Structure formats: C-alpha cells, structure tokens
Amino acid sequence: MVTMTETAAKKVSELRLEEGKPEWGLRIRVVGGGCSGMSYELGWEDQPAADDNVLDAQGIKVYIDKHSAPYLEGSEIDFVDNSMMGAGFAIKNPNVKSSCGCGQSHRF
C-alpha cells in the first residue's frame, strides 16, 4: 500500500487544477536507470490501465503498474519545499537499500 501526505495531496490537487484536469490521477512508476539502478517517474493519467493497482490516497487516485507495485509497497508520497534543494515530490520508500548522491536513483 502507498500513502500520501496531506501536503502532497494538496499540491497534486493544485497542479491538476492548473492543468485543467481536476479528475486526473497520479501515475507512479519505478523505472530502470540512474547511477543506483532505479528511479521514480510521476505523471498524470485520466484512467487506469487494465493491470494497474488503483489506490485512493487523501482523495487522489494513484495508479501503480503491476511491475512497480512490489518496489513501492509501504512507500509514502510527500511534497517538500526546501530552500537548499528546491520544491518537489519525495518518495519515502522503506524498500530502498541505497541511493545515489543526487537522491534521484535507488537500489532495491
């Protein structure tokens, strides 16, 4: 199960309204690449694929494909605004064994 903080849900809602797509859900995927092996991709989806896990997190539909689901189990989606690193979504994933220095790639 993936959860989302209230801060992240609020930001997703704001961004959907800015895009004119208030009914869209958030797609999260784990993809190969990066210096530590895997990274996350976030995007918008208007509907789930046939084999997606569909979650309701703070009123936001979250779509996760069957390949990514095991890697994301127990994760939390947050939105952070840090003066040093800037603002963006952060995935707090208990399955990560190590990450690269830039924080964009992870080894599971």
Protein backbone atom coordinates (compact mmCIF):
# COMPACT_ATOMS: atom_id res chain seq x y z
CA MET A 1 0.00 0.00 0.00
CA VAL A 2 1.21 3.50 -0.88
CA THR A 3 0.14 6.51 1.16
CA MET A 4 0.27 10.24 0.51
CA THR A 5 0.77 13.06 2.96
CA GLU A 6 -1.79 15.83 3.21
CA THR A 7 0.82 18.26 1.85
CA ALA A 8 1.38 16.12 -1.25
CA ALA A 9 -2.35 15.66 -1.84
CA LYS A 10 -2.89 19.41 -1.64
CA LYS A 11 -0.08 20.03 -4.16
CA VAL A 12 -1.44 17.35 -6.54
CA SER A 13 -4.89 18.98 -6.35
CA GLU A 14 -3.41 22.42 -7.07
CA LEU A 15 -1.41 21.12 -10.05
CA ARG A 16 -4.41 19.28 -11.52
CA LEU A 17 -6.45 22.49 -11.38
CA GLU A 18 -3.63 24.46 -13.03
CA GLU A 19 -3.54 21.85 -15.81
CA GLY A 20 -7.33 21.96 -16.16
CA LYS A 21 -7.57 18.25 -15.33
CA PRO A 22 -9.14 18.08 -11.84
CA GLU A 23 -10.36 14.49 -12.37
CA TRP A 24 -6.97 13.03 -13.32
CA GLY A 25 -4.97 10.67 -11.11
CA LEU A 26 -1.28 10.41 -10.32
CA ARG A 27 0.76 7.68 -12.01
CA ILE A 28 3.86 6.48 -10.15
CA ARG A 29 6.33 4.04 -11.70
CA VAL A 30 9.68 2.55 -10.84
CA VAL A 31 11.93 2.52 -13.91
CA GLY A 32 15.45 1.32 -14.60
CA GLY A 33 18.24 3.84 -14.87
CA GLY A 34 20.25 6.26 -12.82
CA CYS A 35 23.53 5.65 -11.04
CA SER A 36 21.99 3.39 -8.36
CA GLY A 37 19.78 1.37 -10.70
CA MET A 38 16.15 2.50 -10.34
CA SER A 39 14.27 5.78 -10.22
CA TYR A 40 10.70 7.03 -9.92
CA GLU A 41 8.51 8.58 -12.59
CA LEU A 42 5.42 10.61 -11.72
CA GLY A 43 2.82 11.70 -14.24
CA TRP A 44 -0.87 12.31 -14.89
CA GLU A 45 -3.37 9.68 -16.03
CA ASP A 46 -7.03 10.07 -16.89
CA GLN A 47 -7.79 6.39 -16.23
CA PRO A 48 -6.00 3.25 -15.05
CA ALA A 49 -4.53 0.60 -17.32
CA ALA A 50 -6.09 -2.86 -17.15
CA ASP A 51 -3.47 -4.29 -14.77
CA ASP A 52 -2.96 -1.23 -12.53
CA ASN A 53 -3.34 -1.15 -8.79
CA VAL A 54 -5.62 1.82 -8.09
CA LEU A 55 -5.38 3.46 -4.69
CA ASP A 56 -7.23 6.35 -3.12
CA ALA A 57 -4.70 8.41 -1.17
CA GLN A 58 -6.13 11.51 0.54
CA GLY A 59 -8.82 11.66 -2.17
CA ILE A 60 -6.27 11.38 -5.01
CA LYS A 61 -6.39 8.37 -7.35
CA VAL A 62 -2.92 6.80 -7.53
CA TYR A 63 -2.17 4.38 -10.39
CA ILE A 64 0.65 1.85 -9.99
CA ASP A 65 1.51 -0.78 -12.60
CA LYS A 66 1.99 -4.39 -11.52
CA HIS A 67 5.77 -4.27 -12.10
CA SER A 68 6.26 -1.22 -9.85
CA ALA A 69 3.87 -2.26 -7.06
CA PRO A 70 6.25 -4.58 -5.15
CA TYR A 71 9.01 -1.92 -5.15
CA LEU A 72 6.63 0.74 -3.83
CA GLU A 73 4.99 -1.31 -1.07
CA GLY A 74 4.90 0.73 2.15
CA SER A 75 6.01 3.97 0.47
CA GLU A 76 4.77 7.46 1.25
CA ILE A 77 4.47 10.26 -1.31
CA ASP A 78 5.30 13.65 0.16
CA PHE A 79 5.82 17.16 -1.17
CA VAL A 80 8.77 19.05 0.26
CA ASP A 81 9.80 22.67 -0.16
CA ASN A 82 13.38 23.04 0.97
CA SER A 83 15.29 26.28 0.47
CA MET A 84 18.52 24.33 -0.25
CA MET A 85 17.13 21.69 -2.62
CA GLY A 86 14.01 23.39 -4.01
CA ALA A 87 10.48 22.02 -4.07
CA GLY A 88 9.25 18.68 -5.33
CA PHE A 89 7.67 15.35 -4.62
CA ALA A 90 9.63 12.90 -2.49
CA ILE A 91 9.05 9.16 -2.16
CA LYS A 92 9.83 7.75 1.27
CA ASN A 93 10.37 4.10 0.47
CA PRO A 94 11.27 1.52 3.16
CA ASN A 95 12.43 -0.93 0.45
CA VAL A 96 15.39 1.19 -0.70
CA LYS A 97 18.76 -0.29 0.24
CA SER A 98 20.86 2.65 -1.03
CA SER A 99 20.53 5.79 -3.12
CA CYS A 100 22.87 7.92 -5.18
CA GLY A 101 24.23 11.28 -4.09
CA CYS A 102 21.67 13.25 -6.09
CA GLY A 103 18.78 11.37 -4.46
CA GLN A 104 17.19 10.53 -7.82
CA SER A 105 18.16 6.86 -8.12
CA HIS A 106 17.77 3.95 -5.69
CA ARG A 107 18.82 0.33 -5.27
CA PHE A 108 16.10 -2.02 -4.07
